[in-house]
Protein backbone atom coordinates (compact mmCIF):
# COMPACT_ATOMS: atom_id res chain seq x y z
CA MET A 1 0.40 0.05 0.02
CA SER A 2 1.45 3.33 -1.06
CA ASP A 3 0.78 6.92 -1.07
CA THR A 4 0.50 9.02 -4.43
CA SER A 5 0.62 12.27 -2.62
CA ALA A 6 3.76 11.77 -1.33
CA PRO A 7 6.14 14.91 -0.75
CA ALA A 8 8.24 16.33 -3.58
CA SER A 9 11.41 17.60 -1.71
CA SER A 10 13.61 15.72 0.55
CA VAL A 11 14.91 17.77 3.25
CA ARG A 12 15.66 17.62 6.94
CA LEU A 13 13.60 19.50 9.48
CA HIS A 14 16.57 20.63 11.50
CA ASP A 15 14.39 22.06 14.15
CA ILE A 16 11.86 19.29 14.90
CA ASP A 17 14.65 17.25 14.84
CA ALA A 18 16.27 18.50 17.49
CA LEU A 19 13.16 19.12 19.71
CA ARG A 20 12.71 15.18 19.68
CA ALA A 21 16.60 14.99 21.11
CA PHE A 22 15.59 17.55 23.49
CA ALA A 23 13.42 15.73 25.09
CA MET A 24 14.78 12.70 24.99
CA LEU A 25 18.62 14.47 26.30
CA LEU A 26 16.33 15.90 29.32
CA GLY A 27 15.45 12.49 30.62
CA ILE A 28 18.41 11.95 31.73
CA GLY A 29 18.84 15.39 33.72
CA LEU A 30 14.97 14.29 34.82
CA HIS A 31 16.26 10.99 36.08
CA ALA A 32 19.85 12.50 37.24
CA ALA A 33 17.64 15.25 39.72
CA LEU A 34 15.18 12.74 41.19
CA ALA A 35 17.87 11.38 44.02
CA TYR A 36 18.42 15.01 45.19
CA GLY A 37 14.43 16.42 45.36
CA GLY A 38 13.06 14.71 47.64
CA THR A 39 11.22 12.40 45.58
CA PRO A 40 11.14 8.51 46.25
CA TRP A 41 13.91 7.17 43.83
CA LEU A 42 16.12 3.89 43.55
CA ALA A 43 19.14 5.60 45.06
CA VAL A 44 18.03 8.76 47.23
CA ASP A 45 20.59 10.86 48.34
CA PRO A 46 20.89 12.47 52.29
CA THR A 47 21.42 15.71 50.49
CA GLN A 48 18.45 17.62 49.05
CA ASP A 49 17.37 20.74 47.30
CA GLU A 50 14.11 21.89 46.82
CA PHE A 51 14.71 23.16 43.48
CA PHE A 52 15.35 19.51 41.69
CA ARG A 53 11.85 18.23 42.91
CA TRP A 54 10.25 21.69 41.07
CA PHE A 55 12.66 20.90 38.05
CA PHE A 56 11.66 17.13 37.97
CA GLU A 57 7.86 18.17 38.04
CA ALA A 58 8.45 20.94 35.25
CA VAL A 59 10.11 18.74 32.83
CA HIS A 60 7.77 15.54 33.39
CA GLY A 61 4.77 17.85 32.62
CA PHE A 62 5.39 18.02 29.17
CA ARG A 63 8.78 16.20 28.03
CA MET A 64 6.60 12.72 27.38
CA HIS A 65 4.00 14.75 25.58
CA LEU A 66 6.48 16.81 23.52
CA PHE A 67 7.97 13.22 22.64
CA PHE A 68 4.65 11.70 21.29
CA PHE A 69 3.67 14.51 19.52
CA VAL A 70 6.97 14.87 17.67
CA SER A 71 7.00 11.15 17.12
CA GLY A 72 3.45 11.21 15.39
CA PHE A 73 4.15 14.20 12.96
CA PHE A 74 7.32 11.61 11.91
CA THR A 75 4.98 8.61 11.58
CA MET A 76 2.48 10.88 9.45
CA LEU A 77 5.50 12.07 7.25
CA LEU A 78 7.47 8.19 6.68
CA TRP A 79 3.31 7.14 5.64
CA ARG A 80 2.95 9.89 3.14
CA ARG A 81 6.38 9.72 1.95
CA ARG A 82 7.07 5.47 1.66
CA GLY A 83 3.50 4.01 2.28
CA LEU A 84 2.51 1.75 4.75
CA ASN A 85 4.62 -1.33 4.33
CA SER A 86 7.96 0.81 4.28
CA LEU A 87 6.67 2.63 7.71
CA LEU A 88 5.62 -0.84 9.24
CA ILE A 89 9.55 -2.11 8.35
CA GLN A 90 11.59 1.00 9.12
CA ARG A 91 9.71 1.15 12.55
CA PHE A 92 10.21 -2.47 13.52
CA GLN A 93 14.23 -1.56 12.75
CA ARG A 94 14.08 1.50 14.77
CA VAL A 95 11.53 1.19 17.52
CA GLY A 96 11.20 -2.92 17.64
CA VAL A 97 14.47 -4.06 17.75
CA PRO A 98 15.77 -1.73 20.48
CA PHE A 99 13.04 -2.59 22.24
CA LEU A 100 13.85 -6.14 22.25
CA LEU A 101 17.56 -5.81 22.93
CA GLY A 102 16.97 -3.29 25.30
CA PHE A 103 14.18 -5.75 27.12
CA PHE A 104 16.84 -8.53 27.06
CA LEU A 105 19.76 -6.78 28.32
CA LEU A 106 19.04 -3.06 30.12
CA VAL A 107 15.97 -4.08 31.96
CA PRO A 108 18.53 -6.87 33.43
CA ALA A 109 20.77 -4.42 34.24
CA MET A 110 18.44 -1.98 35.76
CA GLN A 111 17.33 -5.44 38.36
CA TRP A 112 21.10 -5.49 38.87
CA VAL A 113 21.61 -1.77 39.97
CA THR A 114 18.64 -1.49 41.80
CA VAL A 115 19.53 -4.40 44.15
CA TRP A 116 23.33 -2.88 44.05
CA SER A 117 21.94 0.06 45.08
CA ALA A 118 19.91 -0.94 47.93
CA GLU A 119 22.89 -2.83 49.02
CA ASN A 120 25.60 -0.61 49.26
CA VAL A 121 24.15 2.15 51.22
CA PRO A 122 27.63 3.71 52.88
CA ASP A 123 27.72 3.37 56.58
CA GLN A 124 28.33 6.99 57.18
CA LEU A 125 26.68 9.43 55.22
CA PRO A 126 27.12 13.14 54.99
CA THR A 127 25.26 15.05 57.61
CA GLN A 128 23.99 18.28 57.48
CA THR A 129 24.49 21.33 60.30
CA PHE A 130 21.44 23.19 60.86
CA GLY A 131 20.80 26.42 62.69
CA LYS A 132 18.29 26.83 65.30
CA SER A 133 15.00 28.91 65.18
CA GLU A 134 14.69 30.45 68.94
CA LEU A 135 10.78 31.18 68.41
CA VAL A 136 10.55 27.28 67.10
CA GLU A 137 12.54 26.04 69.70
CA ALA A 138 10.22 27.41 72.48
CA ILE A 139 7.17 26.18 70.70
CA ARG A 140 8.78 22.67 70.61
CA LYS A 141 8.98 23.19 74.39
CA ARG A 142 6.05 24.19 75.06
CA ASP A 143 7.66 27.45 76.51
CA THR A 144 4.21 29.96 75.88
CA ALA A 145 6.09 32.45 78.27
CA ALA A 146 9.17 32.56 75.70
CA VAL A 147 6.89 32.47 72.78
CA GLN A 148 5.23 35.52 74.17
CA ARG A 149 8.56 36.90 74.71
CA LEU A 150 9.67 36.40 71.32
CA VAL A 151 6.97 37.32 69.43
CA GLY A 152 6.28 40.71 71.14
CA SER A 153 10.13 41.13 70.51
CA GLY A 154 9.87 41.36 66.79
CA ALA A 155 10.65 37.59 66.06
CA ASP A 156 9.68 36.65 62.22
CA VAL A 157 6.45 34.58 62.87
CA ASP A 158 6.84 32.82 59.50
CA LYS A 159 10.24 31.43 59.19
CA ALA A 160 10.52 28.02 59.26
CA ASP A 161 13.45 26.03 61.06
CA PRO A 162 16.30 25.57 58.89
CA GLN A 163 16.42 21.89 59.81
CA PHE A 164 12.48 20.49 58.65
CA GLY A 165 11.43 23.76 56.98
CA ILE A 166 8.03 23.90 59.12
CA PRO A 167 6.98 27.21 60.27
CA PRO A 168 6.43 28.32 63.94
CA LEU A 169 2.37 28.14 63.16
CA SER A 170 2.47 24.84 61.67
CA TRP A 171 4.68 23.37 64.43
CA ALA A 172 2.37 25.23 67.09
CA ALA A 173 -0.68 22.99 65.07
CA LEU A 174 1.65 20.22 65.27
CA LEU A 175 1.86 20.25 69.12
CA GLY A 176 -1.76 21.25 69.68
CA GLU A 177 -0.31 24.66 71.13
CA VAL A 178 -3.26 26.73 70.67
CA ASP A 179 -2.26 29.66 73.07
CA SER A 180 1.26 29.59 70.70
CA ALA A 181 -0.68 29.48 67.90
CA ARG A 182 -3.21 32.22 68.84
CA MET A 183 -0.39 34.63 69.95
CA LEU A 184 1.23 33.86 66.37
CA LEU A 185 -1.66 34.92 64.39
CA ASP A 186 -2.36 37.98 66.77
CA ALA A 187 1.12 38.95 65.85
CA GLY A 188 0.18 38.59 62.10
CA ALA A 189 1.53 35.14 61.08
CA ASP A 190 0.04 33.60 57.71
CA VAL A 191 -2.52 31.12 58.71
CA ASN A 192 -2.06 29.55 55.02
CA VAL A 193 1.95 29.68 55.52
CA ARG A 194 3.47 26.84 53.56
CA ALA A 195 6.04 24.36 54.82
CA ARG A 196 9.16 23.12 53.00
CA ASP A 197 6.96 20.12 51.96
CA GLY A 198 3.89 22.30 50.78
CA THR A 199 1.85 21.61 53.89
CA ARG A 200 -0.01 24.13 55.89
CA PRO A 201 -0.96 24.69 59.30
CA LEU A 202 -4.24 23.39 59.01
CA HIS A 203 -2.57 20.11 57.28
CA SER A 204 -0.59 19.94 60.66
CA ALA A 205 -3.48 20.43 63.01
CA MET A 206 -5.64 17.71 61.24
CA PHE A 207 -2.62 15.14 60.73
CA LEU A 208 -1.92 14.75 64.96
CA GLY A 209 -5.75 15.38 65.72
CA ARG A 210 -5.88 19.13 67.55
CA PRO A 211 -9.42 19.95 67.51
CA ARG A 212 -8.78 23.60 69.59
CA VAL A 213 -6.24 24.46 66.81
CA VAL A 214 -8.66 23.25 63.70
CA GLU A 215 -11.20 25.45 65.60
CA LEU A 216 -8.61 28.46 65.71
CA LEU A 217 -7.39 28.03 62.36
CA LEU A 218 -10.55 28.21 60.43
CA GLN A 219 -12.05 31.29 62.69
CA ARG A 220 -8.94 32.96 61.31
CA GLY A 221 -9.49 31.92 57.63
CA ALA A 222 -7.51 29.03 56.86
CA ASP A 223 -8.28 27.16 53.53
CA PRO A 224 -9.83 24.33 54.15
CA GLU A 225 -9.11 22.78 51.12
CA ALA A 226 -5.76 23.94 50.92
CA ILE A 227 -3.15 21.49 48.61
CA GLY A 228 -0.06 20.59 50.24
CA GLY A 229 3.19 19.76 48.01
CA ARG A 230 1.96 15.95 47.09
CA GLY A 231 -1.53 17.06 46.51
CA GLU A 232 -3.03 16.36 50.08
CA THR A 233 -6.17 17.89 51.36
CA PRO A 234 -6.24 18.75 55.42
CA ARG A 235 -9.06 15.80 54.81
CA ASP A 236 -6.24 13.32 53.24
CA VAL A 237 -4.12 13.69 56.05
CA ALA A 238 -6.34 12.99 58.64
CA ASN A 239 -6.90 9.53 56.99
CA THR A 240 -3.29 8.73 57.07
CA ASP A 241 -2.28 5.28 58.41
CA THR A 242 -1.61 5.52 61.92
CA ARG A 243 1.57 3.37 61.12
CA ILE A 244 2.95 6.10 58.71
CA THR A 245 1.45 8.84 60.93
CA PHE A 246 3.87 7.23 63.79
CA VAL A 247 6.98 7.19 61.27
CA LEU A 248 6.30 10.71 60.51
CA ALA A 249 5.79 12.16 63.54
CA THR A 250 8.81 10.78 65.28
CA ARG A 251 11.08 11.49 62.37
CA VAL A 252 10.33 14.98 63.38
CA GLY A 253 10.67 14.68 67.36
CA VAL A 254 6.76 14.44 68.20
CA SER A 255 6.81 12.18 71.25
CA ALA A 256 4.88 9.05 71.50
CA PHE A 257 2.65 10.75 74.01
CA ASP A 258 1.26 13.04 71.66
CA LEU A 259 0.16 10.13 69.24
CA PHE A 260 -2.10 8.73 72.27
CA ASN A 261 -5.87 8.52 71.13
CA VAL A 262 -4.73 10.35 67.55
CA ARG A 263 -7.62 8.66 65.60
CA ASN A 264 -10.40 9.98 68.03
CA ARG A 265 -8.63 12.93 67.67
CA ARG A 266 -9.02 12.97 64.08
CA LYS A 267 -12.44 12.32 63.96
CA GLU A 268 -13.38 15.22 66.06
CA CYS A 269 -11.16 17.30 63.67
CA LEU A 270 -13.13 15.76 60.63
CA ALA A 271 -16.36 16.83 62.27
CA ILE A 272 -15.23 20.43 62.70
CA LEU A 273 -14.32 20.44 59.33
CA ASP A 274 -17.43 19.20 57.93
CA GLN A 275 -19.57 21.79 59.86
CA TYR A 276 -17.41 24.74 58.89
CA LEU A 277 -17.79 23.75 55.37
CA GLU A 278 -21.35 23.04 55.61
CA GLN A 279 -21.79 26.52 56.79
CA GLN A 280 -19.63 28.05 54.15
CA GLY A 281 -21.27 26.35 51.67
CA GLN A 282 -19.88 24.57 48.50
CA SER A 283 -18.66 25.68 45.12
CA TRP A 284 -20.35 24.41 41.73
CA LEU A 285 -17.40 22.68 41.44
CA HIS A 286 -17.98 20.11 44.01
CA PRO A 287 -20.34 17.91 42.52
CA VAL A 288 -18.18 17.42 39.67
CA ARG A 289 -15.16 16.72 42.05
CA ASP A 290 -17.02 14.37 43.82
CA GLN A 291 -18.26 12.22 40.65
CA VAL A 292 -14.45 12.37 39.52
CA LYS A 293 -13.35 10.87 42.82
CA LYS A 294 -16.01 8.16 42.34
CA TRP A 295 -14.81 7.28 39.09
CA ARG A 296 -11.08 7.41 40.20
CA ALA A 297 -12.11 5.03 43.00
CA GLN A 298 -13.83 2.44 40.44
CA TYR A 299 -10.89 2.83 37.94
CA ARG A 300 -7.87 2.46 40.65
CA GLU A 301 -10.13 -1.02 41.83
CA TRP A 302 -10.72 -1.93 38.19
CA ILE A 303 -7.08 -1.50 37.54
CA SER A 304 -5.38 -3.27 40.81
CA SER A 305 -7.66 -5.89 40.72
CA SER A 306 -6.40 -9.74 40.64
CA ARG A 307 -8.03 -10.25 37.07
CA TRP A 308 -4.97 -8.82 35.93
CA GLN A 309 -2.56 -11.33 37.24
CA VAL A 310 -1.28 -14.26 35.67
CA LYS A 311 1.34 -17.02 36.04
CA LEU A 312 3.71 -16.20 33.45
CA SER A 313 5.97 -19.27 34.63
CA PHE A 314 5.46 -22.63 36.23
CA THR A 315 7.82 -21.79 39.50
CA GLY A 316 7.34 -18.27 39.61
CA PRO A 317 4.68 -15.98 41.71
CA LYS A 318 1.99 -14.27 39.96
CA VAL A 319 2.56 -11.12 37.75
CA HIS A 320 0.42 -8.11 37.99
CA LEU A 321 0.06 -7.41 33.61
CA ILE A 322 -0.88 -4.03 34.20
CA LEU A 323 1.08 -2.69 37.93
CA SER A 324 4.42 -5.46 37.71
CA PRO A 325 7.10 -3.36 36.10
CA GLN A 326 8.73 -5.14 33.34
CA PHE A 327 10.07 -2.64 31.12
CA ALA A 328 11.66 0.14 33.08
CA HIS A 329 12.61 3.33 31.41
CA LEU A 330 11.84 1.41 28.03
CA TRP A 331 7.79 1.93 28.54
CA PHE A 332 7.59 4.77 25.82
CA LEU A 333 8.78 2.52 22.70
CA TRP A 334 6.21 -0.02 24.01
CA ASP A 335 3.65 2.77 24.07
CA LEU A 336 4.87 3.49 20.51
CA CYS A 337 4.48 0.09 19.25
CA TRP A 338 0.76 -0.05 20.25
CA PHE A 339 0.35 3.54 18.61
CA LEU A 340 1.70 2.41 15.39
CA LEU A 341 -0.92 -0.57 15.42
CA PHE A 342 -3.43 1.75 15.77
CA PHE A 343 -2.09 3.70 13.05
CA ALA A 344 -1.54 1.11 10.86
CA LEU A 345 -5.69 -0.02 11.50
CA ALA A 346 -6.51 3.63 11.14
CA ILE A 347 -4.76 3.88 7.92
CA MET A 348 -6.35 0.88 6.36
CA VAL A 349 -9.48 1.96 7.58
CA ILE A 350 -9.25 5.09 6.14
CA TRP A 351 -7.37 4.40 2.72
CA TYR A 352 -10.67 3.21 1.44
CA LEU A 353 -12.73 5.92 2.51
CA PRO A 354 -13.61 8.96 0.44
CA LEU A 355 -12.35 11.33 3.49
CA PRO A 356 -10.49 14.57 2.59
CA ARG A 357 -7.34 16.03 4.53
CA TRP A 358 -9.72 18.13 6.85
CA PHE A 359 -7.91 15.77 9.84
CA GLY A 360 -4.27 17.74 9.72
CA TYR A 361 -6.39 21.54 9.55
CA LEU A 362 -7.60 20.85 13.22
CA ILE A 363 -4.48 21.28 14.51
CA LEU A 364 -3.92 24.39 13.25
CA PRO A 365 -6.90 27.04 13.77
CA ARG A 366 -6.94 29.65 16.89
CA PHE A 367 -9.58 27.97 18.18
CA ARG A 368 -7.29 24.41 18.53
CA LEU A 369 -7.70 24.63 22.43
CA LEU A 370 -11.40 24.39 22.63
CA TRP A 371 -11.27 21.11 21.32
CA LEU A 372 -7.73 19.78 22.70
CA ILE A 373 -7.88 20.26 26.20
CA PRO A 374 -11.37 19.09 26.73
CA LEU A 375 -10.18 15.86 24.81
CA THR A 376 -7.02 16.03 26.82
CA MET A 377 -8.75 16.48 30.37
CA LEU A 378 -10.68 12.75 29.85
CA PRO A 379 -7.92 10.61 30.45
CA GLN A 380 -5.96 13.57 32.56
CA MET A 381 -9.22 12.96 35.38
CA PHE A 382 -7.70 9.46 36.08
CA MET A 383 -3.87 10.55 36.48
CA GLY A 384 -2.51 10.35 40.14
CA ALA A 385 -4.91 7.72 40.88
CA PHE A 386 -2.40 6.28 43.24
CA ALA A 387 -0.91 9.34 44.22
CA ASN A 388 -1.28 12.76 43.38
CA THR A 389 1.51 14.15 41.13
CA ILE A 390 2.49 17.39 38.41
CA GLY A 391 2.77 15.43 35.27
CA PRO A 392 1.34 11.84 34.31
CA ASP A 393 1.57 8.28 35.47
CA THR A 394 4.14 6.13 34.29
CA ALA A 395 3.04 2.85 33.06
CA ILE A 396 5.56 -0.12 32.93
CA GLY A 397 3.60 -2.87 32.87
CA VAL A 398 2.80 -5.39 29.98
CA ILE A 399 -0.75 -3.86 29.54
CA PRO A 400 -0.26 -0.01 29.19
CA MET A 401 -2.63 1.52 31.99
CA PRO A 402 -6.08 2.52 29.51
CA HIS A 403 -6.05 6.04 30.77
CA LEU A 404 -2.47 6.42 30.18
CA LEU A 405 -2.59 5.09 26.10
CA ALA A 406 -5.53 7.18 25.49
CA PHE A 407 -3.86 10.46 27.14
CA TYR A 408 -0.88 9.87 25.13
CA GLY A 409 -2.25 8.69 22.09
CA ILE A 410 -3.96 12.15 21.84
CA PHE A 411 -0.42 13.62 21.62
CA PHE A 412 0.85 10.99 18.96
CA PHE A 413 -2.42 11.59 16.82
CA ALA A 414 -1.84 15.15 17.15
CA GLY A 415 1.49 15.33 15.91
CA ALA A 416 0.12 13.01 13.16
CA ALA A 417 -2.63 15.61 11.99
CA TYR A 418 -0.24 18.60 12.29
CA TYR A 419 2.27 16.99 9.72
CA ASP A 420 -0.75 16.81 7.16
CA SER A 421 -1.58 20.62 8.02
CA ASN A 422 1.09 21.72 5.70
CA ASP A 423 2.26 24.28 8.37
CA GLU A 424 5.14 25.65 6.09
CA GLN A 425 4.94 28.67 7.22
CA ARG A 426 5.01 27.11 11.08
CA ARG A 427 1.80 28.98 12.60
CA LEU A 428 1.82 26.59 14.94
CA GLY A 429 4.46 27.87 16.89
CA ARG A 430 4.50 31.52 15.67
CA TRP A 431 3.61 33.01 19.32
CA TRP A 432 5.95 30.99 20.91
CA PHE A 433 7.02 34.20 22.82
CA LEU A 434 3.27 34.19 24.42
CA TRP A 435 3.25 30.65 24.76
CA LEU A 436 5.91 29.83 26.90
CA PRO A 437 5.29 32.27 29.56
CA LEU A 438 1.53 31.04 29.41
CA ALA A 439 3.17 27.70 30.39
CA ALA A 440 4.98 28.88 33.18
CA TRP A 441 2.06 30.41 34.68
CA ALA A 442 -0.15 27.17 34.07
CA PHE A 443 2.72 25.01 35.73
CA TRP A 444 2.29 27.70 38.70
CA GLN A 445 -1.39 27.21 39.08
CA ALA A 446 -0.84 23.47 38.76
CA LYS A 447 0.98 23.27 41.60
CA GLN A 448 -1.10 25.85 43.73
CA THR A 449 -4.04 23.44 42.85
CA LEU A 450 -2.55 20.06 43.12
CA GLY A 451 -4.73 18.00 44.84
CA ASP A 452 -7.68 19.37 43.06
CA VAL A 453 -8.10 16.92 40.07
CA VAL A 454 -10.52 19.17 38.17
CA VAL A 455 -8.51 22.32 38.83
CA SER A 456 -5.08 21.00 38.53
CA GLY A 457 -5.68 18.99 36.03
CA PHE A 458 -6.63 21.52 33.56
CA TRP A 459 -3.93 23.49 34.23
CA GLN A 460 -1.65 20.45 33.76
CA VAL A 461 -3.35 19.86 30.18
CA LEU A 462 -2.50 23.67 29.18
CA TYR A 463 0.70 23.59 30.53
CA ALA A 464 1.69 20.51 28.21
CA TRP A 465 0.06 21.97 25.20
CA ALA A 466 1.50 25.50 26.02
CA MET A 467 5.15 24.13 26.43
CA ILE A 468 4.76 22.11 23.00
CA PHE A 469 3.43 25.07 20.75
CA GLY A 470 5.80 27.53 22.49
CA LEU A 471 9.02 24.86 22.29
CA MET A 472 7.64 24.42 18.15
CA GLY A 473 8.15 27.88 17.57
CA PHE A 474 11.35 28.72 19.70
CA PHE A 475 13.33 26.08 18.15
CA TYR A 476 12.36 27.09 14.86
CA GLN A 477 13.47 30.31 15.56
CA ILE A 478 17.10 29.13 16.91
CA LEU A 479 17.50 25.85 14.85
CA SER A 480 15.70 26.32 11.37
CA ARG A 481 19.09 25.56 9.83
CA GLU A 482 22.03 22.63 10.39
CA TYR A 483 24.54 23.35 13.10
CA ARG A 484 26.72 20.42 13.21
CA LEU A 485 26.74 19.98 16.86
CA VAL A 486 23.12 20.13 17.05
CA ARG A 487 22.77 17.22 14.49
CA TYR A 488 25.08 15.07 16.45
CA LEU A 489 23.57 15.43 19.40
CA SER A 490 20.43 14.58 17.98
CA ASP A 491 21.94 11.52 16.17
CA THR A 492 23.18 10.63 19.40
CA SER A 493 19.97 11.25 21.71
CA TYR A 494 18.42 7.95 21.11
CA TRP A 495 21.56 5.87 22.30
CA LEU A 496 22.22 8.34 25.21
CA TYR A 497 18.37 8.05 26.26
CA LEU A 498 17.92 4.02 25.61
CA THR A 499 21.50 3.52 27.85
CA HIS A 500 21.86 6.01 30.59
CA LEU A 501 19.29 4.94 33.47
CA PRO A 502 21.67 1.70 34.90
CA LEU A 503 24.68 4.34 34.79
CA VAL A 504 22.77 7.06 36.19
CA VAL A 505 21.35 4.84 39.28
CA MET A 506 24.90 3.45 39.62
CA VAL A 507 26.83 6.90 39.60
CA GLN A 508 24.12 8.13 42.27
CA ALA A 509 24.44 5.32 44.93
CA TYR A 510 28.29 5.36 44.39
CA ILE A 511 28.62 9.46 45.08
CA ARG A 512 25.73 9.73 47.78
CA GLY A 513 28.24 9.20 50.68
CA TRP A 514 30.45 11.83 48.96
CA ASP A 515 30.15 15.31 51.32
CA TYR A 516 29.50 17.27 48.17
CA SER A 517 26.09 19.57 47.71
CA PRO A 518 23.22 18.38 45.42
CA TRP A 519 24.20 20.44 42.75
CA GLN A 520 27.83 19.20 42.58
CA LYS A 521 26.27 15.55 42.42
CA PHE A 522 23.90 16.38 39.93
CA LEU A 523 26.63 17.79 37.89
CA ILE A 524 28.88 14.92 38.47
CA VAL A 525 26.18 12.61 37.77
CA CYS A 526 24.90 13.98 34.13
CA GLY A 527 28.59 15.00 33.36
CA THR A 528 29.73 11.10 33.98
CA VAL A 529 26.96 9.31 32.50
CA THR A 530 26.56 11.57 29.50
CA GLY A 531 30.50 11.58 28.49
CA SER A 532 31.42 8.44 28.75
CA LEU A 533 27.57 6.98 26.85
CA LEU A 534 29.20 9.63 24.14
CA ILE A 535 32.60 7.92 24.01
CA VAL A 536 31.13 4.81 23.78
CA TYR A 537 28.65 6.02 20.96
CA HIS A 538 31.54 7.69 18.82
CA PHE A 539 33.77 4.81 18.42
CA LEU A 540 31.59 1.60 19.43
CA VAL A 541 28.34 2.46 18.06
CA ARG A 542 28.16 5.18 15.67
CA PRO A 543 30.28 3.05 12.55
CA THR A 544 28.76 -0.30 13.69
CA TYR A 545 25.25 -2.15 12.59
CA ILE A 546 24.04 -0.74 15.89
CA GLY A 547 24.45 2.97 14.60
CA VAL A 548 22.38 1.79 11.35
CA ILE A 549 19.65 0.59 13.73
CA LEU A 550 19.34 3.54 15.87
CA ASN A 551 20.09 6.14 13.18
CA GLY A 552 19.49 4.95 9.79
CA PRO A 553 22.24 4.72 7.21
CA ARG A 554 24.57 7.71 6.96
CA ARG A 555 24.34 9.65 4.62
CA LYS A 556 27.53 11.64 3.32
CA LYS A 557 25.35 14.74 2.38
CA GLU A 558 21.65 15.69 2.79
CA PRO A 559 19.72 18.62 0.74
CA SER A 560 18.88 21.55 3.07
CA ALA A 561 15.73 23.04 3.77
CA SER A 562 16.63 25.74 1.32
CA LYS A 563 17.21 23.63 -1.69
CA PRO A 564 15.27 20.50 -2.48
CA ALA A 565 16.86 17.44 -3.81
CA ALA A 566 17.44 17.35 -7.97
CA GLU A 567 16.87 14.38 -8.73
CA ASP A 568 12.93 14.76 -6.74
CA ALA A 569 10.41 15.90 -9.47
CA PRO A 570 7.89 18.54 -8.22
CA SER A 571 4.34 17.28 -7.23
CA SER A 572 1.07 19.28 -7.57
CA THR A 573 -0.08 18.12 -4.07
CA PRO A 574 1.31 20.39 -1.53
CA THR A 575 2.81 18.21 1.36
CA ARG A 576 5.37 18.98 4.02
CA PRO A 577 9.00 18.35 3.01
CA GLU A 578 10.36 15.34 4.41
CA VAL A 579 12.95 14.80 7.33
CA SER A 580 15.36 12.49 7.20
CA ALA A 581 13.82 8.92 8.02
CA PRO A 582 16.51 7.82 10.44
CA GLN A 583 15.42 10.35 12.74
CA ALA A 584 12.08 9.49 13.04
CA VAL A 585 11.85 7.73 16.26
């Protein structure tokens, strides 16, 4: 099956090729940052910096969306240029073969590195010295007179303690010191002040069940639906498992005596919160939120049910086809295989129908967000069904999570539609200098509303699309012509991303005992892994058949975007020019 409307000229779209490489190379920085941002990871480092959590969430919120958008673009390009049979053969070589090799080589390497990292924790880890906040120390000692003296002398009532990053009011709420909390509020303390982990004083009061403090905070204007750093509401923290409560409370120095009868105290706090909400009334979004929560709970139960458990061997345990990790970071190649199957089926159906190319023009009009955002919101509503985060879930099972497959599928087929739009003038990213600030604002709003599935989901979707449109325009402005270094990095990006993760975890685990800052360790991880893999690629991969698999046959010279190949005859059908197939991952 071939396509008679193939492009006339064979040129390389350097900006889109670089954009694909950018999305892949960001993955190295993303995985390197995980050890230093307080996120659960395979090799957590004792030195932490909040910046790396923000960096991870900012990158995770758009990176794979962008990758699948560009992949859809290249898939449509290859079909229009070569036909379905050639597309499937090329994709098997560039996607299927690396996936199979990675499954049998890289996945076992990841399993070994994970075990090695867990078993090789240094006996002495670097320690951090912290100063002390005199006001916080007075609250922790329950010295009300000292609190009154310090507040009266002008102490900063919102300054968090350096060790745990907990503000004075949150400490008072955590310990149930209602008199100290009242003095702080009278002195101008922010009733919704954030701790380092994003929680507010009301979270602290609900966490250990402090009903008198809960009443005081609500009277002074505390937000009853405030969102913590991990998307938790005050109601959520009041439902924390008691064993986890004991671990977290003792970690910050709360005595076991303060945990006595915490379950009943929490029930009293929840009753106060419910009464307050009933008196204040509920917003029009509450029925929507409640319905979405029911759907998410049902979906979570369906996903995690035993119906998906099977035995893959006679002696081994049962494996959950959806939740059991099988592919590690190679899951994106597995998802691409699914999208290629759907694409081929769609092509075989559409081929025999007299449909015009209107599909391609859905992505260009100014009103595109009016249908892209609602469509993307449908699977977005089920993101974070197990834990609220910025960005999509990660599916590493044999069967991809349906909501995640649908979510990334929207970006993949939107990219395919964009190729068919014949956007020679690059209207999609023309206003990149407005799209990128809009994306930054949307990300901030998503962080502030994390935990509200509807509102935060809207901002996360807007952030992803704004980043895609903005980066498409920005890269066209700066990389629309060929640069040898950028071209070389584009060629190496596929190899670097496929092979980097075991080395990243190994280096993170090896240097976590070093008394360096998180920034120094982050740069060591990125530099060591990237540098070593570049050397291997240049001398052992690029000249070999592995390089052909990853990047296609090397060409001595390719036509530029400004000069079509002389041997290609002109075509009367307007089409997008071709980017070199080897880069169409």
